[in-house]
Amino acid sequence: MPHSVLRIDSSARTEGSVSRDLTDRVIARLSPDTVVSRDLADGLPLIDNSWIGANMTSADDRNDEQRNLLALSDTLIAELKAADTVVIGVPVYNFGIPAALKAWIDLITRHGVTFNYTETGPAGTLTGKRAILAMASAMTQVGAYDDFVTGYLKHLLGFLGITDIQIVAADQQVLGGEEVLAKAHDQISAVAA
């Protein structure tokens, strides 16, 4: 059965990035048939008042300008919908996710497209997918009181319907050095292809 991966890199560092290395290794472990790569270091536009207005206008009533404003969002969502597995390389910046990753999240989180409100609460439309978070941090430990990254991403992905989420972490690198990287590589070896 063909398997497709959407790779999201969010590190501003293109050389020597631990999260990019972990993402490389995860994808090699998965050995997918196809990989679509989205490097957020190249930058994404932030949503603004015009974008919100276009998004809140029904698809049938949007004018050409509004459709153009949403074109990148539509492309990003199509990439996400086409993937069986989403691999997100996420370094911890100042206790949170990189701004570029937040911009991606804002562009893909759209009512009526990637989630709906129902009588029982929100329901994501991206069900049946798996996500792997390749997290790298200098001091933040996954699951610790100051880990505002993995909990947020698990919640957000779950909101969109992706609940099969695995974390591969090279956390607390300042304290653990090479041992931390070795532990992360062991976690990758345990990832089911």
C-alpha atoms as a PDB file:
ATOM      1  CA  MET A   1       0.000   0.000   0.000  1.00  0.00           C
ATOM      2  CA  PRO A   2       1.530   3.374  -1.005  1.00  0.00           C
ATOM      3  CA  HIS A   3       2.552   5.608   1.861  1.00  0.00           C
ATOM      4  CA  SER A   4       2.976   9.384   1.604  1.00  0.00           C
ATOM      5  CA  VAL A   5       4.687  11.724   4.049  1.00  0.00           C
ATOM      6  CA  LEU A   6       4.384  15.474   4.486  1.00  0.00           C
ATOM      7  CA  ARG A   7       7.619  16.806   5.929  1.00  0.00           C
ATOM      8  CA  ILE A   8       7.471  20.123   7.790  1.00  0.00           C
ATOM      9  CA  ASP A   9      10.771  21.739   8.792  1.00  0.00           C
ATOM     10  CA  SER A  10      10.419  24.729  11.102  1.00  0.00           C
ATOM     11  CA  SER A  11      13.984  25.333  12.277  1.00  0.00           C
ATOM     12  CA  ALA A  12      15.420  28.677  11.199  1.00  0.00           C
ATOM     13  CA  ARG A  13      18.771  26.875  11.019  1.00  0.00           C
ATOM     14  CA  THR A  14      19.356  25.128   7.726  1.00  0.00           C
ATOM     15  CA  GLU A  15      22.808  23.818   8.730  1.00  0.00           C
ATOM     16  CA  GLY A  16      23.503  21.945  11.954  1.00  0.00           C
ATOM     17  CA  SER A  17      19.847  21.722  12.956  1.00  0.00           C
ATOM     18  CA  VAL A  18      19.086  18.825  15.288  1.00  0.00           C
ATOM     19  CA  SER A  19      15.365  18.848  14.455  1.00  0.00           C
ATOM     20  CA  ARG A  20      16.164  18.651  10.719  1.00  0.00           C
ATOM     21  CA  ASP A  21      18.538  15.747  11.344  1.00  0.00           C
ATOM     22  CA  LEU A  22      15.892  13.934  13.399  1.00  0.00           C
ATOM     23  CA  THR A  23      13.332  14.537  10.653  1.00  0.00           C
ATOM     24  CA  ASP A  24      15.765  13.120   8.053  1.00  0.00           C
ATOM     25  CA  ARG A  25      16.180  10.017  10.184  1.00  0.00           C
ATOM     26  CA  VAL A  26      12.439   9.576  10.810  1.00  0.00           C
ATOM     27  CA  ILE A  27      11.693   9.771   7.101  1.00  0.00           C
ATOM     28  CA  ALA A  28      14.481   7.319   6.296  1.00  0.00           C
ATOM     29  CA  ARG A  29      12.966   4.959   8.879  1.00  0.00           C
ATOM     30  CA  LEU A  30       9.480   5.326   7.368  1.00  0.00           C
ATOM     31  CA  SER A  31      10.783   4.730   3.844  1.00  0.00           C
ATOM     32  CA  PRO A  32       7.695   6.319   2.235  1.00  0.00           C
ATOM     33  CA  ASP A  33       6.735   6.098  -1.411  1.00  0.00           C
ATOM     34  CA  THR A  34       6.434   9.867  -1.652  1.00  0.00           C
ATOM     35  CA  VAL A  35       7.610  12.814   0.437  1.00  0.00           C
ATOM     36  CA  VAL A  36       6.325  16.355   0.067  1.00  0.00           C
ATOM     37  CA  SER A  37       8.616  18.817   1.859  1.00  0.00           C
ATOM     38  CA  ARG A  38       7.593  22.188   3.203  1.00  0.00           C
ATOM     39  CA  ASP A  39      10.491  24.234   4.616  1.00  0.00           C
ATOM     40  CA  LEU A  40       9.069  26.983   6.779  1.00  0.00           C
ATOM     41  CA  ALA A  41      12.457  28.691   7.140  1.00  0.00           C
ATOM     42  CA  ASP A  42      11.634  30.296   3.800  1.00  0.00           C
ATOM     43  CA  GLY A  43       8.835  32.141   5.609  1.00  0.00           C
ATOM     44  CA  LEU A  44       5.065  32.220   5.399  1.00  0.00           C
ATOM     45  CA  PRO A  45       2.750  35.210   5.452  1.00  0.00           C
ATOM     46  CA  LEU A  46       0.910  35.943   8.667  1.00  0.00           C
ATOM     47  CA  ILE A  47      -2.852  35.998   8.590  1.00  0.00           C
ATOM     48  CA  ASP A  48      -4.321  39.490   8.695  1.00  0.00           C
ATOM     49  CA  ASN A  49      -7.694  41.209   8.570  1.00  0.00           C
ATOM     50  CA  SER A  50      -8.084  40.704   4.802  1.00  0.00           C
ATOM     51  CA  TRP A  51      -7.206  36.993   5.073  1.00  0.00           C
ATOM     52  CA  ILE A  52      -9.678  36.511   7.912  1.00  0.00           C
ATOM     53  CA  GLY A  53     -12.379  38.280   5.910  1.00  0.00           C
ATOM     54  CA  ALA A  54     -11.710  36.029   2.906  1.00  0.00           C
ATOM     55  CA  ASN A  55     -11.757  32.934   5.088  1.00  0.00           C
ATOM     56  CA  MET A  56     -15.036  33.943   6.727  1.00  0.00           C
ATOM     57  CA  THR A  57     -16.700  34.547   3.359  1.00  0.00           C
ATOM     58  CA  SER A  58     -18.449  31.446   2.014  1.00  0.00           C
ATOM     59  CA  ALA A  59     -16.522  29.774  -0.815  1.00  0.00           C
ATOM     60  CA  ASP A  60     -19.302  30.508  -3.321  1.00  0.00           C
ATOM     61  CA  ASP A  61     -19.271  34.233  -2.486  1.00  0.00           C
ATOM     62  CA  ARG A  62     -15.504  34.865  -2.562  1.00  0.00           C
ATOM     63  CA  ASN A  63     -14.164  37.235  -5.172  1.00  0.00           C
ATOM     64  CA  ASP A  64     -10.875  36.705  -7.036  1.00  0.00           C
ATOM     65  CA  GLU A  65      -8.889  38.734  -4.508  1.00  0.00           C
ATOM     66  CA  GLN A  66     -10.231  36.629  -1.640  1.00  0.00           C
ATOM     67  CA  ARG A  67      -9.497  33.386  -3.501  1.00  0.00           C
ATOM     68  CA  ASN A  68      -5.945  34.629  -4.099  1.00  0.00           C
ATOM     69  CA  LEU A  69      -5.551  35.469  -0.411  1.00  0.00           C
ATOM     70  CA  LEU A  70      -6.518  31.894   0.500  1.00  0.00           C
ATOM     71  CA  ALA A  71      -4.554  30.163  -2.294  1.00  0.00           C
ATOM     72  CA  LEU A  72      -1.484  29.368  -0.171  1.00  0.00           C
ATOM     73  CA  SER A  73      -3.673  28.118   2.672  1.00  0.00           C
ATOM     74  CA  ASP A  74      -5.532  25.889   0.203  1.00  0.00           C
ATOM     75  CA  THR A  75      -2.209  24.497  -1.052  1.00  0.00           C
ATOM     76  CA  LEU A  76      -0.931  23.813   2.473  1.00  0.00           C
ATOM     77  CA  ILE A  77      -4.189  22.080   3.401  1.00  0.00           C
ATOM     78  CA  ALA A  78      -4.103  19.988   0.208  1.00  0.00           C
ATOM     79  CA  GLU A  79      -0.574  18.841   1.147  1.00  0.00           C
ATOM     80  CA  LEU A  80      -1.821  17.876   4.585  1.00  0.00           C
ATOM     81  CA  LYS A  81      -4.894  16.056   3.289  1.00  0.00           C
ATOM     82  CA  ALA A  82      -2.819  14.057   0.784  1.00  0.00           C
ATOM     83  CA  ALA A  83      -0.372  12.783   3.428  1.00  0.00           C
ATOM     84  CA  ASP A  84      -0.722   9.550   5.372  1.00  0.00           C
ATOM     85  CA  THR A  85       1.907  10.710   7.882  1.00  0.00           C
ATOM     86  CA  VAL A  86       2.999  14.210   8.855  1.00  0.00           C
ATOM     87  CA  VAL A  87       6.536  14.566  10.210  1.00  0.00           C
ATOM     88  CA  ILE A  88       7.141  17.907  11.897  1.00  0.00           C
ATOM     89  CA  GLY A  89      10.641  18.995  12.854  1.00  0.00           C
ATOM     90  CA  VAL A  90      10.174  21.375  15.757  1.00  0.00           C
ATOM     91  CA  PRO A  91      12.891  23.072  17.758  1.00  0.00           C
ATOM     92  CA  VAL A  92      11.936  24.782  20.987  1.00  0.00           C
ATOM     93  CA  TYR A  93      12.446  28.537  20.720  1.00  0.00           C
ATOM     94  CA  ASN A  94      12.033  30.518  23.930  1.00  0.00           C
ATOM     95  CA  PHE A  95       9.776  27.797  25.390  1.00  0.00           C
ATOM     96  CA  GLY A  96       7.503  27.712  22.351  1.00  0.00           C
ATOM     97  CA  ILE A  97       7.255  26.741  18.703  1.00  0.00           C
ATOM     98  CA  PRO A  98       9.013  28.772  16.006  1.00  0.00           C
ATOM     99  CA  ALA A  99       6.979  31.676  14.625  1.00  0.00           C
ATOM    100  CA  ALA A 100       7.069  30.103  11.148  1.00  0.00           C
ATOM    101  CA  LEU A 101       5.385  26.954  12.482  1.00  0.00           C
ATOM    102  CA  LYS A 102       2.683  29.068  14.145  1.00  0.00           C
ATOM    103  CA  ALA A 103       2.128  30.829  10.804  1.00  0.00           C
ATOM    104  CA  TRP A 104       1.687  27.397   9.129  1.00  0.00           C
ATOM    105  CA  ILE A 105      -0.768  26.357  11.840  1.00  0.00           C
ATOM    106  CA  ASP A 106      -2.809  29.535  11.381  1.00  0.00           C
ATOM    107  CA  LEU A 107      -2.959  28.932   7.620  1.00  0.00           C
ATOM    108  CA  ILE A 108      -4.115  25.296   7.911  1.00  0.00           C
ATOM    109  CA  THR A 109      -6.618  25.647  10.762  1.00  0.00           C
ATOM    110  CA  ARG A 110      -9.800  26.625   8.947  1.00  0.00           C
ATOM    111  CA  HIS A 111     -13.411  26.151   9.999  1.00  0.00           C
ATOM    112  CA  GLY A 112     -15.329  24.157   7.414  1.00  0.00           C
ATOM    113  CA  VAL A 113     -12.115  22.846   5.883  1.00  0.00           C
ATOM    114  CA  THR A 114      -9.913  21.199   8.515  1.00  0.00           C
ATOM    115  CA  PHE A 115     -12.416  21.270  11.378  1.00  0.00           C
ATOM    116  CA  ASN A 116     -16.112  21.798  11.964  1.00  0.00           C
ATOM    117  CA  TYR A 117     -18.244  22.747  14.930  1.00  0.00           C
ATOM    118  CA  THR A 118     -20.849  20.133  15.751  1.00  0.00           C
ATOM    119  CA  GLU A 119     -23.535  19.735  18.401  1.00  0.00           C
ATOM    120  CA  THR A 120     -21.031  17.774  20.488  1.00  0.00           C
ATOM    121  CA  GLY A 121     -18.128  20.196  19.963  1.00  0.00           C
ATOM    122  CA  PRO A 122     -15.350  20.658  17.415  1.00  0.00           C
ATOM    123  CA  ALA A 123     -14.546  17.790  15.050  1.00  0.00           C
ATOM    124  CA  GLY A 124     -11.393  17.639  12.950  1.00  0.00           C
ATOM    125  CA  THR A 125     -11.607  16.514   9.347  1.00  0.00           C
ATOM    126  CA  LEU A 126      -8.050  15.135   9.068  1.00  0.00           C
ATOM    127  CA  THR A 127      -8.756  11.745  10.612  1.00  0.00           C
ATOM    128  CA  GLY A 128      -6.882   8.548   9.797  1.00  0.00           C
ATOM    129  CA  LYS A 129      -3.461  10.195   9.706  1.00  0.00           C
ATOM    130  CA  ARG A 130      -0.389   9.854  11.868  1.00  0.00           C
ATOM    131  CA  ALA A 131       1.929  12.617  13.070  1.00  0.00           C
ATOM    132  CA  ILE A 132       5.484  12.325  14.315  1.00  0.00           C
ATOM    133  CA  LEU A 133       6.989  15.297  16.129  1.00  0.00           C
ATOM    134  CA  ALA A 134      10.781  15.487  15.937  1.00  0.00           C
ATOM    135  CA  MET A 135      11.454  17.845  18.837  1.00  0.00           C
ATOM    136  CA  ALA A 136      14.810  19.367  19.773  1.00  0.00           C
ATOM    137  CA  SER A 137      15.532  21.549  22.783  1.00  0.00           C
ATOM    138  CA  ALA A 138      18.453  22.868  24.744  1.00  0.00           C
ATOM    139  CA  MET A 139      16.832  22.655  28.190  1.00  0.00           C
ATOM    140  CA  THR A 140      13.120  21.858  27.897  1.00  0.00           C
ATOM    141  CA  GLN A 141      12.179  18.279  28.767  1.00  0.00           C
ATOM    142  CA  VAL A 142       9.210  16.682  27.006  1.00  0.00           C
ATOM    143  CA  GLY A 143       6.273  16.616  29.403  1.00  0.00           C
ATOM    144  CA  ALA A 144       7.833  18.971  31.955  1.00  0.00           C
ATOM    145  CA  TYR A 145       5.967  21.974  33.347  1.00  0.00           C
ATOM    146  CA  ASP A 146       7.738  24.269  30.858  1.00  0.00           C
ATOM    147  CA  ASP A 147       7.090  22.099  27.780  1.00  0.00           C
ATOM    148  CA  PHE A 148       4.653  24.339  25.927  1.00  0.00           C
ATOM    149  CA  VAL A 149       5.534  22.721  22.593  1.00  0.00           C
ATOM    150  CA  THR A 150       4.509  19.070  22.568  1.00  0.00           C
ATOM    151  CA  GLY A 151       1.279  19.555  24.527  1.00  0.00           C
ATOM    152  CA  TYR A 152       0.225  22.401  22.262  1.00  0.00           C
ATOM    153  CA  LEU A 153       1.003  20.500  19.065  1.00  0.00           C
ATOM    154  CA  LYS A 154      -0.736  17.346  20.289  1.00  0.00           C
ATOM    155  CA  HIS A 155      -3.813  19.393  21.191  1.00  0.00           C
ATOM    156  CA  LEU A 156      -3.823  21.297  17.885  1.00  0.00           C
ATOM    157  CA  LEU A 157      -3.328  18.181  15.759  1.00  0.00           C
ATOM    158  CA  GLY A 158      -6.032  16.385  17.748  1.00  0.00           C
ATOM    159  CA  PHE A 159      -8.355  19.336  17.171  1.00  0.00           C
ATOM    160  CA  LEU A 160      -7.802  18.824  13.435  1.00  0.00           C
ATOM    161  CA  GLY A 161      -8.507  15.081  13.758  1.00  0.00           C
ATOM    162  CA  ILE A 162      -4.954  13.704  13.962  1.00  0.00           C
ATOM    163  CA  THR A 163      -4.779  11.756  17.206  1.00  0.00           C
ATOM    164  CA  ASP A 164      -2.107   9.140  16.383  1.00  0.00           C
ATOM    165  CA  ILE A 165       0.875  11.233  17.489  1.00  0.00           C
ATOM    166  CA  GLN A 166       4.374  10.069  18.380  1.00  0.00           C
ATOM    167  CA  ILE A 167       7.166  12.217  19.788  1.00  0.00           C
ATOM    168  CA  VAL A 168      10.840  11.695  19.039  1.00  0.00           C
ATOM    169  CA  ALA A 169      12.810  14.019  21.282  1.00  0.00           C
ATOM    170  CA  ALA A 170      16.347  15.244  21.596  1.00  0.00           C
ATOM    171  CA  ASP A 171      15.418  17.258  24.663  1.00  0.00           C
ATOM    172  CA  GLN A 172      17.654  18.817  27.302  1.00  0.00           C
ATOM    173  CA  GLN A 173      20.685  18.677  25.007  1.00  0.00           C
ATOM    174  CA  VAL A 174      22.670  21.051  27.223  1.00  0.00           C
ATOM    175  CA  LEU A 175      22.460  18.535  30.061  1.00  0.00           C
ATOM    176  CA  GLY A 176      22.688  15.292  28.099  1.00  0.00           C
ATOM    177  CA  GLY A 177      24.820  15.980  25.030  1.00  0.00           C
ATOM    178  CA  GLU A 178      25.490  12.912  22.875  1.00  0.00           C
ATOM    179  CA  GLU A 179      23.447  10.673  25.191  1.00  0.00           C
ATOM    180  CA  VAL A 180      20.337  12.707  24.359  1.00  0.00           C
ATOM    181  CA  LEU A 181      20.948  12.294  20.632  1.00  0.00           C
ATOM    182  CA  ALA A 182      21.545   8.560  21.055  1.00  0.00           C
ATOM    183  CA  LYS A 183      18.248   8.281  22.977  1.00  0.00           C
ATOM    184  CA  ALA A 184      16.421  10.132  20.181  1.00  0.00           C
ATOM    185  CA  HIS A 185      17.990   7.819  17.564  1.00  0.00           C
ATOM    186  CA  ASP A 186      16.776   4.816  19.587  1.00  0.00           C
ATOM    187  CA  GLN A 187      13.272   6.318  19.615  1.00  0.00           C
ATOM    188  CA  ILE A 188      13.429   6.630  15.834  1.00  0.00           C
ATOM    189  CA  SER A 189      14.461   2.985  15.533  1.00  0.00           C
ATOM    190  CA  ALA A 190      11.258   2.081  17.386  1.00  0.00           C
ATOM    191  CA  VAL A 191       9.024   4.076  15.018  1.00  0.00           C
ATOM    192  CA  ALA A 192       6.785   1.730  13.065  1.00  0.00           C
ATOM    193  CA  ALA A 193       7.358   2.047   9.338  1.00  0.00           C
END
